[in-house]
Amino acid sequence: MKKDGPAVPRVCDPGNHPSHKHKQRAVRSHGHNNLPNFIGKYFPRCDDPDNKEFYFACMLVLLKPWRNLRTDLKSVDQSWSEAFNAFLSSATSRIHDILAGIQYFHNCQSAA
């Protein structure tokens, strides 16, 4: 394996993870950021009644920490709307700013 810099510390997956015996994760330094690369159309508008549930699901995937897509974003008995509103009720001002920025993009496009 080719090395392009200093060795990065690694840890194994938790013992209950299927690949814990043969995969490791890199431990990133404090302040290390990964940038997501979103492919496809822009994020949906929050004010489009035809795509409300899709909007809620997209924003939860983007902003709420999760490991298991089926269980961490919403409970089985919750709608995407209920899960999103519960998330927003305890979200930081930074999260609210991100959501406002996404909608601002759409508002500017509509006004142009």
N, C-alpha and C. Protein backbone atom coordinates (compact mmCIF):
# COMPACT_ATOMS: atom_id res chain seq x y z
N MET A 1 0.84 -1.18 0.00
CA MET A 1 0.00 0.00 0.00
C MET A 1 0.89 1.24 0.00
N LYS A 2 0.57 2.19 -0.86
CA LYS A 2 1.35 3.41 -0.99
C LYS A 2 1.00 4.39 0.14
N LYS A 3 2.03 5.01 0.71
CA LYS A 3 1.81 6.00 1.76
C LYS A 3 2.21 7.37 1.23
N ASP A 4 1.34 8.34 1.39
CA ASP A 4 1.59 9.69 0.91
C ASP A 4 1.79 10.69 2.04
N GLY A 5 2.10 10.25 3.20
CA GLY A 5 2.28 11.16 4.32
C GLY A 5 2.45 10.39 5.59
N PRO A 6 2.35 11.09 6.72
CA PRO A 6 2.52 10.40 7.99
C PRO A 6 1.41 9.37 8.22
N ALA A 7 1.75 8.36 8.98
CA ALA A 7 0.77 7.31 9.28
C ALA A 7 -0.38 7.90 10.09
N VAL A 8 -1.57 7.45 9.78
CA VAL A 8 -2.78 7.90 10.46
C VAL A 8 -3.19 6.82 11.44
N PRO A 9 -3.45 7.18 12.71
CA PRO A 9 -3.90 6.16 13.67
C PRO A 9 -5.21 5.53 13.20
N ARG A 10 -5.36 4.25 13.49
CA ARG A 10 -6.56 3.52 13.05
C ARG A 10 -7.16 2.74 14.22
N VAL A 11 -8.47 2.54 14.14
CA VAL A 11 -9.19 1.75 15.14
C VAL A 11 -10.09 0.75 14.42
N CYS A 12 -10.38 -0.35 15.09
CA CYS A 12 -11.28 -1.36 14.53
C CYS A 12 -12.73 -0.92 14.72
N ASP A 13 -13.60 -1.45 13.87
CA ASP A 13 -15.03 -1.23 14.05
C ASP A 13 -15.47 -1.86 15.36
N PRO A 14 -16.61 -1.43 15.93
CA PRO A 14 -17.11 -2.06 17.16
C PRO A 14 -17.28 -3.57 16.98
N GLY A 15 -17.18 -4.31 18.06
CA GLY A 15 -17.24 -5.77 18.02
C GLY A 15 -18.49 -6.36 17.41
N ASN A 16 -19.60 -5.63 17.45
CA ASN A 16 -20.84 -6.16 16.87
C ASN A 16 -21.00 -5.82 15.39
N HIS A 17 -20.05 -5.09 14.81
CA HIS A 17 -20.12 -4.73 13.39
C HIS A 17 -19.65 -5.91 12.55
N PRO A 18 -20.32 -6.20 11.42
CA PRO A 18 -19.96 -7.37 10.62
C PRO A 18 -18.51 -7.39 10.13
N SER A 19 -17.91 -6.23 9.95
CA SER A 19 -16.55 -6.21 9.41
C SER A 19 -15.49 -5.85 10.45
N HIS A 20 -15.83 -6.03 11.74
CA HIS A 20 -14.90 -5.58 12.78
C HIS A 20 -13.58 -6.34 12.78
N LYS A 21 -13.54 -7.54 12.22
CA LYS A 21 -12.30 -8.32 12.25
C LYS A 21 -11.35 -7.98 11.11
N HIS A 22 -11.85 -7.37 10.05
CA HIS A 22 -10.98 -7.15 8.90
C HIS A 22 -11.01 -5.74 8.31
N LYS A 23 -11.61 -4.79 8.99
CA LYS A 23 -11.58 -3.40 8.53
C LYS A 23 -11.23 -2.48 9.68
N GLN A 24 -10.60 -1.37 9.34
CA GLN A 24 -10.25 -0.36 10.33
C GLN A 24 -10.66 1.01 9.81
N ARG A 25 -10.86 1.92 10.74
CA ARG A 25 -11.20 3.30 10.40
C ARG A 25 -10.06 4.21 10.80
N ALA A 26 -9.82 5.23 9.99
CA ALA A 26 -8.80 6.22 10.30
C ALA A 26 -9.33 7.16 11.38
N VAL A 27 -8.50 7.47 12.35
CA VAL A 27 -8.85 8.44 13.39
C VAL A 27 -8.34 9.79 12.91
N ARG A 28 -9.25 10.67 12.63
CA ARG A 28 -8.88 11.99 12.11
C ARG A 28 -8.57 12.95 13.26
N SER A 29 -7.70 13.90 12.98
CA SER A 29 -7.32 14.87 14.00
C SER A 29 -8.48 15.84 14.25
N HIS A 30 -8.46 16.48 15.41
CA HIS A 30 -9.49 17.45 15.75
C HIS A 30 -9.48 18.57 14.70
N GLY A 31 -10.63 18.92 14.21
CA GLY A 31 -10.72 19.97 13.21
C GLY A 31 -10.69 19.47 11.78
N HIS A 32 -10.44 18.16 11.60
CA HIS A 32 -10.43 17.60 10.24
C HIS A 32 -11.86 17.58 9.72
N ASN A 33 -12.04 18.04 8.52
CA ASN A 33 -13.38 18.07 7.92
C ASN A 33 -13.38 17.32 6.60
N ASN A 34 -14.42 16.56 6.37
CA ASN A 34 -14.66 15.96 5.06
C ASN A 34 -15.77 16.75 4.40
N LEU A 35 -15.65 16.95 3.11
CA LEU A 35 -16.69 17.66 2.38
C LEU A 35 -17.54 16.66 1.61
N PRO A 36 -18.83 16.67 1.85
CA PRO A 36 -19.69 15.76 1.09
C PRO A 36 -19.80 16.23 -0.35
N ASN A 37 -19.96 15.29 -1.26
CA ASN A 37 -20.14 15.59 -2.67
C ASN A 37 -21.53 15.12 -3.07
N PHE A 38 -22.45 16.05 -3.17
CA PHE A 38 -23.82 15.70 -3.50
C PHE A 38 -23.99 15.72 -5.01
N ILE A 39 -24.56 14.65 -5.53
CA ILE A 39 -24.73 14.49 -6.97
C ILE A 39 -26.21 14.61 -7.28
N GLY A 40 -26.51 15.31 -8.35
CA GLY A 40 -27.90 15.42 -8.77
C GLY A 40 -28.42 16.83 -8.62
N LYS A 41 -29.73 16.94 -8.49
CA LYS A 41 -30.38 18.23 -8.40
C LYS A 41 -30.05 18.91 -7.07
N TYR A 42 -30.45 20.17 -7.00
CA TYR A 42 -30.28 20.92 -5.76
C TYR A 42 -31.13 20.30 -4.66
N PHE A 43 -30.85 20.71 -3.43
CA PHE A 43 -31.70 20.28 -2.33
C PHE A 43 -33.12 20.80 -2.59
N PRO A 44 -34.12 20.08 -2.13
CA PRO A 44 -35.50 20.53 -2.38
C PRO A 44 -35.83 21.79 -1.58
N ARG A 45 -36.86 22.49 -2.05
CA ARG A 45 -37.36 23.67 -1.35
C ARG A 45 -38.16 23.23 -0.13
N CYS A 46 -38.17 24.06 0.91
CA CYS A 46 -38.96 23.71 2.09
C CYS A 46 -40.43 24.10 1.92
N ASP A 47 -40.72 24.93 0.92
CA ASP A 47 -42.09 25.43 0.74
C ASP A 47 -42.82 24.79 -0.44
N ASP A 48 -42.33 23.66 -0.92
CA ASP A 48 -42.99 22.94 -2.01
C ASP A 48 -43.88 21.86 -1.41
N PRO A 49 -45.20 22.05 -1.43
CA PRO A 49 -46.09 21.08 -0.77
C PRO A 49 -46.04 19.68 -1.38
N ASP A 50 -45.64 19.58 -2.65
CA ASP A 50 -45.58 18.26 -3.30
C ASP A 50 -44.36 17.44 -2.87
N ASN A 51 -43.37 18.10 -2.29
CA ASN A 51 -42.13 17.40 -1.92
C ASN A 51 -41.76 17.56 -0.45
N LYS A 52 -42.73 17.83 0.40
CA LYS A 52 -42.44 18.08 1.82
C LYS A 52 -41.71 16.91 2.49
N GLU A 53 -42.25 15.70 2.35
CA GLU A 53 -41.64 14.55 3.01
C GLU A 53 -40.23 14.30 2.48
N PHE A 54 -40.04 14.49 1.17
CA PHE A 54 -38.71 14.34 0.57
C PHE A 54 -37.75 15.38 1.15
N TYR A 55 -38.23 16.61 1.30
CA TYR A 55 -37.41 17.67 1.91
C TYR A 55 -36.99 17.28 3.32
N PHE A 56 -37.95 16.83 4.13
CA PHE A 56 -37.64 16.45 5.51
C PHE A 56 -36.61 15.32 5.55
N ALA A 57 -36.78 14.32 4.71
CA ALA A 57 -35.84 13.20 4.67
C ALA A 57 -34.45 13.67 4.25
N CYS A 58 -34.37 14.51 3.22
CA CYS A 58 -33.07 15.01 2.74
C CYS A 58 -32.34 15.80 3.82
N MET A 59 -33.07 16.67 4.50
CA MET A 59 -32.44 17.52 5.52
C MET A 59 -31.98 16.69 6.72
N LEU A 60 -32.73 15.67 7.08
CA LEU A 60 -32.30 14.80 8.18
C LEU A 60 -31.05 14.01 7.79
N VAL A 61 -31.01 13.50 6.57
CA VAL A 61 -29.82 12.77 6.11
C VAL A 61 -28.61 13.69 6.12
N LEU A 62 -28.81 14.93 5.71
CA LEU A 62 -27.71 15.89 5.64
C LEU A 62 -27.25 16.36 7.01
N LEU A 63 -28.16 16.64 7.92
CA LEU A 63 -27.83 17.38 9.13
C LEU A 63 -27.84 16.58 10.43
N LYS A 64 -28.54 15.47 10.46
CA LYS A 64 -28.62 14.69 11.71
C LYS A 64 -27.59 13.57 11.68
N PRO A 65 -26.76 13.46 12.70
CA PRO A 65 -25.78 12.36 12.73
C PRO A 65 -26.50 11.00 12.72
N TRP A 66 -26.00 10.09 11.90
CA TRP A 66 -26.61 8.77 11.82
C TRP A 66 -25.57 7.75 11.37
N ARG A 67 -25.81 6.50 11.75
CA ARG A 67 -25.00 5.37 11.30
C ARG A 67 -25.86 4.36 10.55
N ASN A 68 -27.09 4.18 11.05
CA ASN A 68 -28.00 3.23 10.43
C ASN A 68 -29.18 4.01 9.85
N LEU A 69 -29.30 4.00 8.55
CA LEU A 69 -30.32 4.78 7.86
C LEU A 69 -31.73 4.39 8.29
N ARG A 70 -31.93 3.14 8.62
CA ARG A 70 -33.27 2.66 8.97
C ARG A 70 -33.72 3.03 10.38
N THR A 71 -32.78 3.24 11.29
CA THR A 71 -33.18 3.44 12.68
C THR A 71 -32.76 4.78 13.28
N ASP A 72 -31.77 5.44 12.74
CA ASP A 72 -31.23 6.63 13.40
C ASP A 72 -31.89 7.95 12.98
N LEU A 73 -32.50 7.99 11.82
CA LEU A 73 -33.09 9.24 11.35
C LEU A 73 -34.52 9.45 11.85
N LYS A 74 -35.26 8.37 11.97
CA LYS A 74 -36.63 8.45 12.49
C LYS A 74 -37.03 7.08 13.01
N SER A 75 -38.00 7.07 13.90
CA SER A 75 -38.50 5.79 14.38
C SER A 75 -39.54 5.25 13.39
N VAL A 76 -39.83 3.98 13.51
CA VAL A 76 -40.76 3.33 12.58
C VAL A 76 -42.14 3.98 12.62
N ASP A 77 -42.56 4.41 13.80
CA ASP A 77 -43.90 4.99 13.93
C ASP A 77 -43.95 6.50 13.70
N GLN A 78 -42.85 7.10 13.27
CA GLN A 78 -42.79 8.54 13.00
C GLN A 78 -42.87 8.81 11.51
N SER A 79 -43.49 9.92 11.15
CA SER A 79 -43.41 10.39 9.76
C SER A 79 -42.11 11.19 9.63
N TRP A 80 -41.71 11.47 8.41
CA TRP A 80 -40.52 12.29 8.20
C TRP A 80 -40.74 13.69 8.77
N SER A 81 -41.96 14.17 8.65
CA SER A 81 -42.30 15.48 9.19
C SER A 81 -42.13 15.52 10.71
N GLU A 82 -42.64 14.51 11.39
CA GLU A 82 -42.51 14.44 12.85
C GLU A 82 -41.04 14.33 13.27
N ALA A 83 -40.28 13.51 12.57
CA ALA A 83 -38.86 13.34 12.90
C ALA A 83 -38.10 14.63 12.68
N PHE A 84 -38.40 15.32 11.58
CA PHE A 84 -37.73 16.58 11.27
C PHE A 84 -38.05 17.64 12.32
N ASN A 85 -39.32 17.76 12.67
CA ASN A 85 -39.71 18.76 13.68
C ASN A 85 -39.12 18.45 15.05
N ALA A 86 -39.02 17.19 15.41
CA ALA A 86 -38.37 16.81 16.67
C ALA A 86 -36.89 17.18 16.63
N PHE A 87 -36.25 16.94 15.50
CA PHE A 87 -34.84 17.30 15.34
C PHE A 87 -34.66 18.81 15.44
N LEU A 88 -35.52 19.55 14.76
CA LEU A 88 -35.42 21.02 14.78
C LEU A 88 -35.61 21.61 16.17
N SER A 89 -36.44 20.97 16.98
CA SER A 89 -36.73 21.52 18.31
C SER A 89 -35.49 21.58 19.20
N SER A 90 -34.49 20.74 18.91
CA SER A 90 -33.27 20.78 19.71
C SER A 90 -32.03 21.12 18.87
N ALA A 91 -32.25 21.55 17.63
CA ALA A 91 -31.12 21.85 16.74
C ALA A 91 -30.45 23.16 17.13
N THR A 92 -29.18 23.25 16.84
CA THR A 92 -28.40 24.46 17.13
C THR A 92 -28.76 25.57 16.14
N SER A 93 -28.33 26.77 16.46
CA SER A 93 -28.56 27.89 15.54
C SER A 93 -27.81 27.66 14.22
N ARG A 94 -26.71 26.96 14.27
CA ARG A 94 -25.95 26.64 13.04
C ARG A 94 -26.80 25.80 12.09
N ILE A 95 -27.52 24.83 12.62
CA ILE A 95 -28.41 24.00 11.80
C ILE A 95 -29.50 24.86 11.17
N HIS A 96 -30.08 25.75 11.97
CA HIS A 96 -31.13 26.63 11.45
C HIS A 96 -30.57 27.56 10.37
N ASP A 97 -29.34 28.01 10.54
CA ASP A 97 -28.70 28.86 9.53
C ASP A 97 -28.48 28.10 8.23
N ILE A 98 -28.08 26.85 8.32
CA ILE A 98 -27.87 26.02 7.12
C ILE A 98 -29.19 25.86 6.37
N LEU A 99 -30.25 25.56 7.09
CA LEU A 99 -31.57 25.41 6.47
C LEU A 99 -32.03 26.71 5.82
N ALA A 100 -31.79 27.82 6.50
CA ALA A 100 -32.16 29.12 5.94
C ALA A 100 -31.35 29.42 4.68
N GLY A 101 -30.08 29.03 4.68
CA GLY A 101 -29.23 29.25 3.50
C GLY A 101 -29.69 28.45 2.30
N ILE A 102 -30.13 27.22 2.54
CA ILE A 102 -30.63 26.38 1.45
C ILE A 102 -31.89 27.02 0.86
N GLN A 103 -32.78 27.49 1.72
CA GLN A 103 -34.01 28.12 1.22
C GLN A 103 -33.70 29.46 0.55
N TYR A 104 -32.72 30.19 1.06
CA TYR A 104 -32.34 31.47 0.47
C TYR A 104 -31.91 31.28 -0.99
N PHE A 105 -31.18 30.21 -1.25
CA PHE A 105 -30.77 29.88 -2.62
C PHE A 105 -32.01 29.78 -3.52
N HIS A 106 -33.02 29.05 -3.07
CA HIS A 106 -34.24 28.88 -3.87
C HIS A 106 -34.98 30.21 -4.03
N ASN A 107 -35.04 31.00 -2.97
CA ASN A 107 -35.72 32.30 -3.04
C ASN A 107 -35.04 33.22 -4.04
N CYS A 108 -33.71 33.20 -4.07
CA CYS A 108 -32.97 34.03 -5.03
C CYS A 108 -33.21 33.56 -6.45
N GLN A 109 -33.27 32.25 -6.64
CA GLN A 109 -33.54 31.71 -7.98
C GLN A 109 -34.93 32.12 -8.45
N SER A 110 -35.89 32.08 -7.55
CA SER A 110 -37.26 32.44 -7.91
C SER A 110 -37.38 33.93 -8.25
N ALA A 111 -36.61 34.75 -7.55
CA ALA A 111 -36.67 36.19 -7.76
C ALA A 111 -35.94 36.64 -9.02
N ALA A 112 -35.04 35.80 -9.51
CA ALA A 112 -34.23 36.20 -10.69
C ALA A 112 -35.02 36.11 -11.97
